[in-house]
């Protein structure tokens, strides 16, 4: 898997954590331009994109990946829920 930035979305704002550790605050309307051809990692893609006004940007949804790898295991659709399901310290 290539190094990808992580995209975190609040209501009306987005934060991108680059693979180098750089934190960028991005206005929702400028997200597609800021990403360029980079595909970010997200937790719960539909909710993330909905918070940002449903931009047409591709994302790698870690919850979808988890559901594909562990189809019978349930978890809360949050970063904390994903961490607990993977038995990671949070």
PDB file of N, CA and C in Angstrom:
ATOM      1  N   UNK A   1       0.845  -1.169   0.000  1.00  0.00           N
ATOM      2  CA  UNK A   1       0.000   0.000   0.000  1.00  0.00           C
ATOM      3  C   UNK A   1       0.894   1.238   0.000  1.00  0.00           C
ATOM      4  N   UNK A   2       0.626   2.168  -0.898  1.00  0.00           N
ATOM      5  CA  UNK A   2       1.453   3.378  -0.940  1.00  0.00           C
ATOM      6  C   UNK A   2       1.216   4.245   0.282  1.00  0.00           C
ATOM      7  N   UNK A   3       2.193   5.063   0.601  1.00  0.00           N
ATOM      8  CA  UNK A   3       2.011   5.999   1.713  1.00  0.00           C
ATOM      9  C   UNK A   3       0.944   7.000   1.306  1.00  0.00           C
ATOM     10  N   UNK A   4      -0.078   7.092   2.104  1.00  0.00           N
ATOM     11  CA  UNK A   4      -1.194   7.988   1.808  1.00  0.00           C
ATOM     12  C   UNK A   4      -1.436   8.895   3.003  1.00  0.00           C
ATOM     13  N   UNK A   5      -1.897  10.104   2.734  1.00  0.00           N
ATOM     14  CA  UNK A   5      -2.242  10.987   3.848  1.00  0.00           C
ATOM     15  C   UNK A   5      -3.549  10.536   4.478  1.00  0.00           C
ATOM     16  N   UNK A   6      -3.787  10.947   5.696  1.00  0.00           N
ATOM     17  CA  UNK A   6      -5.043  10.674   6.386  1.00  0.00           C
ATOM     18  C   UNK A   6      -5.894  11.930   6.319  1.00  0.00           C
ATOM     19  N   UNK A   7      -7.171  11.750   6.006  1.00  0.00           N
ATOM     20  CA  UNK A   7      -8.104  12.860   5.919  1.00  0.00           C
ATOM     21  C   UNK A   7      -9.090  12.753   7.070  1.00  0.00           C
ATOM     22  N   UNK A   8      -9.211  13.820   7.831  1.00  0.00           N
ATOM     23  CA  UNK A   8     -10.142  13.893   8.947  1.00  0.00           C
ATOM     24  C   UNK A   8     -11.084  15.048   8.647  1.00  0.00           C
ATOM     25  N   UNK A   9     -12.381  14.807   8.786  1.00  0.00           N
ATOM     26  CA  UNK A   9     -13.355  15.850   8.452  1.00  0.00           C
ATOM     27  C   UNK A   9     -14.233  16.165   9.638  1.00  0.00           C
ATOM     28  N   UNK A  10     -14.386  17.443   9.890  1.00  0.00           N
ATOM     29  CA  UNK A  10     -15.369  17.926  10.836  1.00  0.00           C
ATOM     30  C   UNK A  10     -16.490  18.540  10.024  1.00  0.00           C
ATOM     31  N   UNK A  11     -17.413  19.182  10.665  1.00  0.00           N
ATOM     32  CA  UNK A  11     -18.496  19.830   9.932  1.00  0.00           C
ATOM     33  C   UNK A  11     -17.995  21.165   9.408  1.00  0.00           C
ATOM     34  N   UNK A  12     -17.738  21.217   8.113  1.00  0.00           N
ATOM     35  CA  UNK A  12     -17.296  22.452   7.482  1.00  0.00           C
ATOM     36  C   UNK A  12     -15.800  22.655   7.436  1.00  0.00           C
ATOM     37  N   UNK A  13     -15.012  21.676   7.825  1.00  0.00           N
ATOM     38  CA  UNK A  13     -13.567  21.824   7.704  1.00  0.00           C
ATOM     39  C   UNK A  13     -12.918  20.444   7.538  1.00  0.00           C
ATOM     40  N   UNK A  14     -11.727  20.442   7.000  1.00  0.00           N
ATOM     41  CA  UNK A  14     -10.996  19.199   6.803  1.00  0.00           C
ATOM     42  C   UNK A  14      -9.550  19.389   7.231  1.00  0.00           C
ATOM     43  N   UNK A  15      -8.963  18.325   7.728  1.00  0.00           N
ATOM     44  CA  UNK A  15      -7.555  18.320   8.102  1.00  0.00           C
ATOM     45  C   UNK A  15      -6.902  17.139   7.416  1.00  0.00           C
ATOM     46  N   UNK A  16      -5.769  17.384   6.824  1.00  0.00           N
ATOM     47  CA  UNK A  16      -5.027  16.352   6.112  1.00  0.00           C
ATOM     48  C   UNK A  16      -3.693  16.163   6.813  1.00  0.00           C
ATOM     49  N   UNK A  17      -3.413  14.926   7.206  1.00  0.00           N
ATOM     50  CA  UNK A  17      -2.134  14.587   7.815  1.00  0.00           C
ATOM     51  C   UNK A  17      -1.325  13.861   6.758  1.00  0.00           C
ATOM     52  N   UNK A  18      -0.267  14.484   6.273  1.00  0.00           N
ATOM     53  CA  UNK A  18       0.526  13.891   5.199  1.00  0.00           C
ATOM     54  C   UNK A  18       1.352  12.725   5.716  1.00  0.00           C
ATOM     55  N   UNK A  19       1.859  11.943   4.794  1.00  0.00           N
ATOM     56  CA  UNK A  19       2.708  10.804   5.149  1.00  0.00           C
ATOM     57  C   UNK A  19       3.981  11.277   5.849  1.00  0.00           C
ATOM     58  N   UNK A  20       4.357  12.541   5.645  1.00  0.00           N
ATOM     59  CA  UNK A  20       5.546  13.119   6.284  1.00  0.00           C
ATOM     60  C   UNK A  20       5.245  13.719   7.651  1.00  0.00           C
ATOM     61  N   UNK A  21       3.964  13.718   8.067  1.00  0.00           N
ATOM     62  CA  UNK A  21       3.582  14.264   9.358  1.00  0.00           C
ATOM     63  C   UNK A  21       3.156  15.718   9.322  1.00  0.00           C
ATOM     64  N   UNK A  22       3.050  16.286   8.132  1.00  0.00           N
ATOM     65  CA  UNK A  22       2.622  17.676   7.993  1.00  0.00           C
ATOM     66  C   UNK A  22       1.104  17.748   8.139  1.00  0.00           C
ATOM     67  N   UNK A  23       0.613  18.705   8.910  1.00  0.00           N
ATOM     68  CA  UNK A  23      -0.822  18.894   9.121  1.00  0.00           C
ATOM     69  C   UNK A  23      -1.275  20.091   8.300  1.00  0.00           C
ATOM     70  N   UNK A  24      -2.285  19.854   7.453  1.00  0.00           N
ATOM     71  CA  UNK A  24      -2.821  20.917   6.613  1.00  0.00           C
ATOM     72  C   UNK A  24      -4.306  21.085   6.894  1.00  0.00           C
ATOM     73  N   UNK A  25      -4.740  22.287   7.197  1.00  0.00           N
ATOM     74  CA  UNK A  25      -6.163  22.589   7.331  1.00  0.00           C
ATOM     75  C   UNK A  25      -6.653  23.042   5.974  1.00  0.00           C
ATOM     76  N   UNK A  26      -7.733  22.402   5.519  1.00  0.00           N
ATOM     77  CA  UNK A  26      -8.217  22.641   4.164  1.00  0.00           C
ATOM     78  C   UNK A  26      -9.687  23.028   4.217  1.00  0.00           C
ATOM     79  N   UNK A  27     -10.054  24.062   3.470  1.00  0.00           N
ATOM     80  CA  UNK A  27     -11.466  24.423   3.339  1.00  0.00           C
ATOM     81  C   UNK A  27     -12.139  23.351   2.495  1.00  0.00           C
ATOM     82  N   UNK A  28     -13.364  22.953   2.834  1.00  0.00           N
ATOM     83  CA  UNK A  28     -14.035  21.881   2.090  1.00  0.00           C
ATOM     84  C   UNK A  28     -14.102  22.104   0.584  1.00  0.00           C
ATOM     85  N   UNK A  29     -14.323  23.320   0.141  1.00  0.00           N
ATOM     86  CA  UNK A  29     -14.397  23.595  -1.289  1.00  0.00           C
ATOM     87  C   UNK A  29     -13.067  23.436  -2.007  1.00  0.00           C
ATOM     88  N   UNK A  30     -11.967  23.450  -1.274  1.00  0.00           N
ATOM     89  CA  UNK A  30     -10.637  23.345  -1.870  1.00  0.00           C
ATOM     90  C   UNK A  30     -10.036  21.960  -1.729  1.00  0.00           C
ATOM     91  N   UNK A  31     -10.819  20.996  -1.261  1.00  0.00           N
ATOM     92  CA  UNK A  31     -10.282  19.661  -0.986  1.00  0.00           C
ATOM     93  C   UNK A  31      -9.766  18.973  -2.242  1.00  0.00           C
ATOM     94  N   UNK A  32     -10.558  18.941  -3.291  1.00  0.00           N
ATOM     95  CA  UNK A  32     -10.141  18.248  -4.521  1.00  0.00           C
ATOM     96  C   UNK A  32      -8.860  18.857  -5.077  1.00  0.00           C
ATOM     97  N   UNK A  33      -8.753  20.174  -5.043  1.00  0.00           N
ATOM     98  CA  UNK A  33      -7.553  20.847  -5.543  1.00  0.00           C
ATOM     99  C   UNK A  33      -6.354  20.551  -4.640  1.00  0.00           C
ATOM    100  N   UNK A  34      -6.557  20.519  -3.329  1.00  0.00           N
ATOM    101  CA  UNK A  34      -5.464  20.267  -2.392  1.00  0.00           C
ATOM    102  C   UNK A  34      -4.937  18.841  -2.520  1.00  0.00           C
ATOM    103  N   UNK A  35      -5.835  17.895  -2.789  1.00  0.00           N
ATOM    104  CA  UNK A  35      -5.413  16.501  -2.900  1.00  0.00           C
ATOM    105  C   UNK A  35      -4.711  16.200  -4.208  1.00  0.00           C
ATOM    106  N   UNK A  36      -5.152  16.856  -5.280  1.00  0.00           N
ATOM    107  CA  UNK A  36      -4.568  16.551  -6.586  1.00  0.00           C
ATOM    108  C   UNK A  36      -4.883  15.109  -6.965  1.00  0.00           C
ATOM    109  N   UNK A  37      -3.848  14.320  -7.223  1.00  0.00           N
ATOM    110  CA  UNK A  37      -4.029  12.917  -7.599  1.00  0.00           C
ATOM    111  C   UNK A  37      -3.804  11.978  -6.426  1.00  0.00           C
ATOM    112  N   UNK A  38      -3.679  12.532  -5.218  1.00  0.00           N
ATOM    113  CA  UNK A  38      -3.427  11.729  -4.028  1.00  0.00           C
ATOM    114  C   UNK A  38      -4.759  11.197  -3.501  1.00  0.00           C
ATOM    115  N   UNK A  39      -4.781   9.919  -3.108  1.00  0.00           N
ATOM    116  CA  UNK A  39      -5.983   9.316  -2.540  1.00  0.00           C
ATOM    117  C   UNK A  39      -5.753   9.149  -1.039  1.00  0.00           C
ATOM    118  N   UNK A  40      -6.524   9.871  -0.212  1.00  0.00           N
ATOM    119  CA  UNK A  40      -6.304   9.817   1.239  1.00  0.00           C
ATOM    120  C   UNK A  40      -6.982   8.619   1.901  1.00  0.00           C
ATOM    121  N   UNK A  41      -6.494   8.281   3.087  1.00  0.00           N
ATOM    122  CA  UNK A  41      -7.105   7.271   3.937  1.00  0.00           C
ATOM    123  C   UNK A  41      -8.155   7.950   4.801  1.00  0.00           C
ATOM    124  N   UNK A  42      -9.309   7.313   4.951  1.00  0.00           N
ATOM    125  CA  UNK A  42     -10.364   7.830   5.821  1.00  0.00           C
ATOM    126  C   UNK A  42     -10.972   6.680   6.607  1.00  0.00           C
ATOM    127  N   UNK A  43     -11.649   7.009   7.678  1.00  0.00           N
ATOM    128  CA  UNK A  43     -12.465   6.048   8.415  1.00  0.00           C
ATOM    129  C   UNK A  43     -13.906   6.485   8.199  1.00  0.00           C
ATOM    130  N   UNK A  44     -14.713   5.632   7.599  1.00  0.00           N
ATOM    131  CA  UNK A  44     -16.113   5.861   7.269  1.00  0.00           C
ATOM    132  C   UNK A  44     -16.223   6.913   6.165  1.00  0.00           C
ATOM    133  N   UNK A  45     -15.851   6.498   4.969  1.00  0.00           N
ATOM    134  CA  UNK A  45     -15.845   7.373   3.802  1.00  0.00           C
ATOM    135  C   UNK A  45     -17.139   8.128   3.545  1.00  0.00           C
ATOM    136  N   UNK A  46     -18.316   7.445   3.560  1.00  0.00           N
ATOM    137  CA  UNK A  46     -19.547   8.184   3.285  1.00  0.00           C
ATOM    138  C   UNK A  46     -19.786   9.342   4.261  1.00  0.00           C
ATOM    139  N   UNK A  47     -19.555   9.123   5.541  1.00  0.00           N
ATOM    140  CA  UNK A  47     -19.763  10.186   6.525  1.00  0.00           C
ATOM    141  C   UNK A  47     -18.729  11.294   6.355  1.00  0.00           C
ATOM    142  N   UNK A  48     -17.498  10.915   6.083  1.00  0.00           N
ATOM    143  CA  UNK A  48     -16.437  11.916   5.887  1.00  0.00           C
ATOM    144  C   UNK A  48     -16.764  12.816   4.708  1.00  0.00           C
ATOM    145  N   UNK A  49     -17.126  12.221   3.580  1.00  0.00           N
ATOM    146  CA  UNK A  49     -17.424  13.017   2.390  1.00  0.00           C
ATOM    147  C   UNK A  49     -18.705  13.826   2.554  1.00  0.00           C
ATOM    148  N   UNK A  50     -19.676  13.298   3.278  1.00  0.00           N
ATOM    149  CA  UNK A  50     -20.918  14.043   3.530  1.00  0.00           C
ATOM    150  C   UNK A  50     -20.626  15.301   4.355  1.00  0.00           C
ATOM    151  N   UNK A  51     -19.744  15.181   5.337  1.00  0.00           N
ATOM    152  CA  UNK A  51     -19.389  16.358   6.154  1.00  0.00           C
ATOM    153  C   UNK A  51     -18.718  17.435   5.328  1.00  0.00           C
ATOM    154  N   UNK A  52     -18.077  17.017   4.237  1.00  0.00           N
ATOM    155  CA  UNK A  52     -17.355  17.968   3.388  1.00  0.00           C
ATOM    156  C   UNK A  52     -18.164  18.415   2.180  1.00  0.00           C
ATOM    157  N   UNK A  53     -19.453  18.116   2.176  1.00  0.00           N
ATOM    158  CA  UNK A  53     -20.305  18.558   1.080  1.00  0.00           C
ATOM    159  C   UNK A  53     -20.294  17.612  -0.110  1.00  0.00           C
ATOM    160  N   UNK A  54     -19.979  16.352   0.101  1.00  0.00           N
ATOM    161  CA  UNK A  54     -19.951  15.313  -0.936  1.00  0.00           C
ATOM    162  C   UNK A  54     -19.075  15.667  -2.136  1.00  0.00           C
ATOM    163  N   UNK A  55     -17.802  15.994  -1.907  1.00  0.00           N
ATOM    164  CA  UNK A  55     -16.937  16.250  -3.057  1.00  0.00           C
ATOM    165  C   UNK A  55     -16.669  14.946  -3.808  1.00  0.00           C
ATOM    166  N   UNK A  56     -16.419  15.059  -5.079  1.00  0.00           N
ATOM    167  CA  UNK A  56     -16.152  13.885  -5.907  1.00  0.00           C
ATOM    168  C   UNK A  56     -14.658  13.561  -5.852  1.00  0.00           C
ATOM    169  N   UNK A  57     -14.195  13.097  -4.705  1.00  0.00           N
ATOM    170  CA  UNK A  57     -12.793  12.711  -4.555  1.00  0.00           C
ATOM    171  C   UNK A  57     -12.732  11.237  -4.144  1.00  0.00           C
ATOM    172  N   UNK A  58     -11.803  10.490  -4.705  1.00  0.00           N
ATOM    173  CA  UNK A  58     -11.660   9.092  -4.290  1.00  0.00           C
ATOM    174  C   UNK A  58     -10.968   9.018  -2.932  1.00  0.00           C
ATOM    175  N   UNK A  59     -11.363   8.042  -2.118  1.00  0.00           N
ATOM    176  CA  UNK A  59     -10.749   7.831  -0.807  1.00  0.00           C
ATOM    177  C   UNK A  59     -10.552   6.334  -0.599  1.00  0.00           C
ATOM    178  N   UNK A  60      -9.644   5.985   0.280  1.00  0.00           N
ATOM    179  CA  UNK A  60      -9.466   4.611   0.720  1.00  0.00           C
ATOM    180  C   UNK A  60     -10.121   4.529   2.089  1.00  0.00           C
ATOM    181  N   UNK A  61     -11.239   3.808   2.161  1.00  0.00           N
ATOM    182  CA  UNK A  61     -12.017   3.715   3.393  1.00  0.00           C
ATOM    183  C   UNK A  61     -11.524   2.520   4.208  1.00  0.00           C
ATOM    184  N   UNK A  62     -10.916   2.793   5.356  1.00  0.00           N
ATOM    185  CA  UNK A  62     -10.372   1.729   6.190  1.00  0.00           C
ATOM    186  C   UNK A  62     -11.456   0.842   6.783  1.00  0.00           C
ATOM    187  N   UNK A  63     -12.672   1.375   6.982  1.00  0.00           N
ATOM    188  CA  UNK A  63     -13.772   0.536   7.469  1.00  0.00           C
ATOM    189  C   UNK A  63     -14.191  -0.476   6.412  1.00  0.00           C
ATOM    190  N   UNK A  64     -14.221  -0.084   5.150  1.00  0.00           N
ATOM    191  CA  UNK A  64     -14.544  -1.028   4.073  1.00  0.00           C
ATOM    192  C   UNK A  64     -13.480  -2.110   3.982  1.00  0.00           C
ATOM    193  N   UNK A  65     -12.234  -1.727   4.117  1.00  0.00           N
ATOM    194  CA  UNK A  65     -11.146  -2.704   4.096  1.00  0.00           C
ATOM    195  C   UNK A  65     -11.286  -3.678   5.254  1.00  0.00           C
ATOM    196  N   UNK A  66     -11.602  -3.182   6.438  1.00  0.00           N
ATOM    197  CA  UNK A  66     -11.785  -4.039   7.596  1.00  0.00           C
ATOM    198  C   UNK A  66     -12.953  -5.004   7.373  1.00  0.00           C
ATOM    199  N   UNK A  67     -14.072  -4.501   6.839  1.00  0.00           N
ATOM    200  CA  UNK A  67     -15.239  -5.348   6.594  1.00  0.00           C
ATOM    201  C   UNK A  67     -14.931  -6.428   5.566  1.00  0.00           C
ATOM    202  N   UNK A  68     -14.079  -6.149   4.618  1.00  0.00           N
ATOM    203  CA  UNK A  68     -13.690  -7.137   3.614  1.00  0.00           C
ATOM    204  C   UNK A  68     -12.794  -8.208   4.230  1.00  0.00           C
ATOM    205  N   UNK A  69     -11.874  -7.794   5.080  1.00  0.00           N
ATOM    206  CA  UNK A  69     -10.926  -8.737   5.679  1.00  0.00           C
ATOM    207  C   UNK A  69     -11.561  -9.523   6.821  1.00  0.00           C
ATOM    208  N   UNK A  70     -12.402  -8.885   7.621  1.00  0.00           N
ATOM    209  CA  UNK A  70     -13.051  -9.515   8.787  1.00  0.00           C
ATOM    210  C   UNK A  70     -14.563  -9.354   8.656  1.00  0.00           C
ATOM    211  N   UNK A  71     -15.210 -10.065   7.725  1.00  0.00           N
ATOM    212  CA  UNK A  71     -16.628  -9.817   7.452  1.00  0.00           C
ATOM    213  C   UNK A  71     -17.576 -10.133   8.602  1.00  0.00           C
ATOM    214  N   UNK A  72     -17.208 -11.004   9.511  1.00  0.00           N
ATOM    215  CA  UNK A  72     -18.119 -11.386  10.589  1.00  0.00           C
ATOM    216  C   UNK A  72     -17.912 -10.578  11.861  1.00  0.00           C
ATOM    217  N   UNK A  73     -16.975  -9.641  11.859  1.00  0.00           N
ATOM    218  CA  UNK A  73     -16.671  -8.873  13.064  1.00  0.00           C
ATOM    219  C   UNK A  73     -17.292  -7.484  12.955  1.00  0.00           C
ATOM    220  N   UNK A  74     -17.985  -7.072  14.002  1.00  0.00           N
ATOM    221  CA  UNK A  74     -18.593  -5.739  13.984  1.00  0.00           C
ATOM    222  C   UNK A  74     -17.760  -4.783  14.828  1.00  0.00           C
ATOM    223  N   UNK A  75     -17.936  -3.503  14.543  1.00  0.00           N
ATOM    224  CA  UNK A  75     -17.225  -2.472  15.288  1.00  0.00           C
ATOM    225  C   UNK A  75     -17.949  -1.157  15.123  1.00  0.00           C
ATOM    226  N   UNK A  76     -17.666  -0.237  16.022  1.00  0.00           N
ATOM    227  CA  UNK A  76     -18.215   1.112  15.902  1.00  0.00           C
ATOM    228  C   UNK A  76     -17.540   1.794  14.721  1.00  0.00           C
ATOM    229  N   UNK A  77     -18.286   2.499  13.868  1.00  0.00           N
ATOM    230  CA  UNK A  77     -17.699   3.113  12.670  1.00  0.00           C
ATOM    231  C   UNK A  77     -16.944   4.408  12.973  1.00  0.00           C
ATOM    232  N   UNK A  78     -15.968   4.299  13.856  1.00  0.00           N
ATOM    233  CA  UNK A  78     -15.157   5.446  14.256  1.00  0.00           C
ATOM    234  C   UNK A  78     -13.693   5.021  14.284  1.00  0.00           C
ATOM    235  N   UNK A  79     -12.767   5.963  14.296  1.00  0.00           N
ATOM    236  CA  UNK A  79     -11.362   5.583  14.441  1.00  0.00           C
ATOM    237  C   UNK A  79     -11.114   4.795  15.731  1.00  0.00           C
ATOM    238  N   UNK A  80     -11.766   5.201  16.831  1.00  0.00           N
ATOM    239  CA  UNK A  80     -11.592   4.473  18.096  1.00  0.00           C
ATOM    240  C   UNK A  80     -12.145   3.061  17.996  1.00  0.00           C
ATOM    241  N   UNK A  81     -13.296   2.898  17.327  1.00  0.00           N
ATOM    242  CA  UNK A  81     -13.871   1.570  17.150  1.00  0.00           C
ATOM    243  C   UNK A  81     -12.970   0.672  16.326  1.00  0.00           C
ATOM    244  N   UNK A  82     -12.360   1.224  15.285  1.00  0.00           N
ATOM    245  CA  UNK A  82     -11.432   0.459  14.457  1.00  0.00           C
ATOM    246  C   UNK A  82     -10.200   0.074  15.262  1.00  0.00           C
ATOM    247  N   UNK A  83      -9.698   0.980  16.061  1.00  0.00           N
ATOM    248  CA  UNK A  83      -8.518   0.693  16.897  1.00  0.00           C
ATOM    249  C   UNK A  83      -8.833  -0.398  17.914  1.00  0.00           C
ATOM    250  N   UNK A  84     -10.001  -0.320  18.560  1.00  0.00           N
ATOM    251  CA  UNK A  84     -10.383  -1.356  19.526  1.00  0.00           C
ATOM    252  C   UNK A  84     -10.525  -2.711  18.858  1.00  0.00           C
ATOM    253  N   UNK A  85     -11.122  -2.751  17.662  1.00  0.00           N
ATOM    254  CA  UNK A  85     -11.298  -4.015  16.943  1.00  0.00           C
ATOM    255  C   UNK A  85      -9.947  -4.626  16.578  1.00  0.00           C
ATOM    256  N   UNK A  86      -8.953  -3.803  16.349  1.00  0.00           N
ATOM    257  CA  UNK A  86      -7.602  -4.276  16.012  1.00  0.00           C
ATOM    258  C   UNK A  86      -6.745  -4.446  17.243  1.00  0.00           C
ATOM    259  N   UNK A  87      -7.361  -4.262  18.434  1.00  0.00           N
ATOM    260  CA  UNK A  87      -6.686  -4.393  19.718  1.00  0.00           C
ATOM    261  C   UNK A  87      -5.457  -3.481  19.816  1.00  0.00           C
ATOM    262  N   UNK A  88      -5.659  -2.241  19.379  1.00  0.00           N
ATOM    263  CA  UNK A  88      -4.607  -1.229  19.465  1.00  0.00           C
ATOM    264  C   UNK A  88      -4.880  -0.347  20.668  1.00  0.00           C
ATOM    265  N   UNK A  89      -3.849   0.137  21.301  1.00  0.00           N
ATOM    266  CA  UNK A  89      -4.012   1.082  22.405  1.00  0.00           C
ATOM    267  C   UNK A  89      -4.431   2.427  21.846  1.00  0.00           C
ATOM    268  N   UNK A  90      -5.468   3.010  22.463  1.00  0.00           N
ATOM    269  CA  UNK A  90      -5.907   4.325  22.016  1.00  0.00           C
ATOM    270  C   UNK A  90      -5.881   5.299  23.160  1.00  0.00           C
TER     271      UNK A  90
END
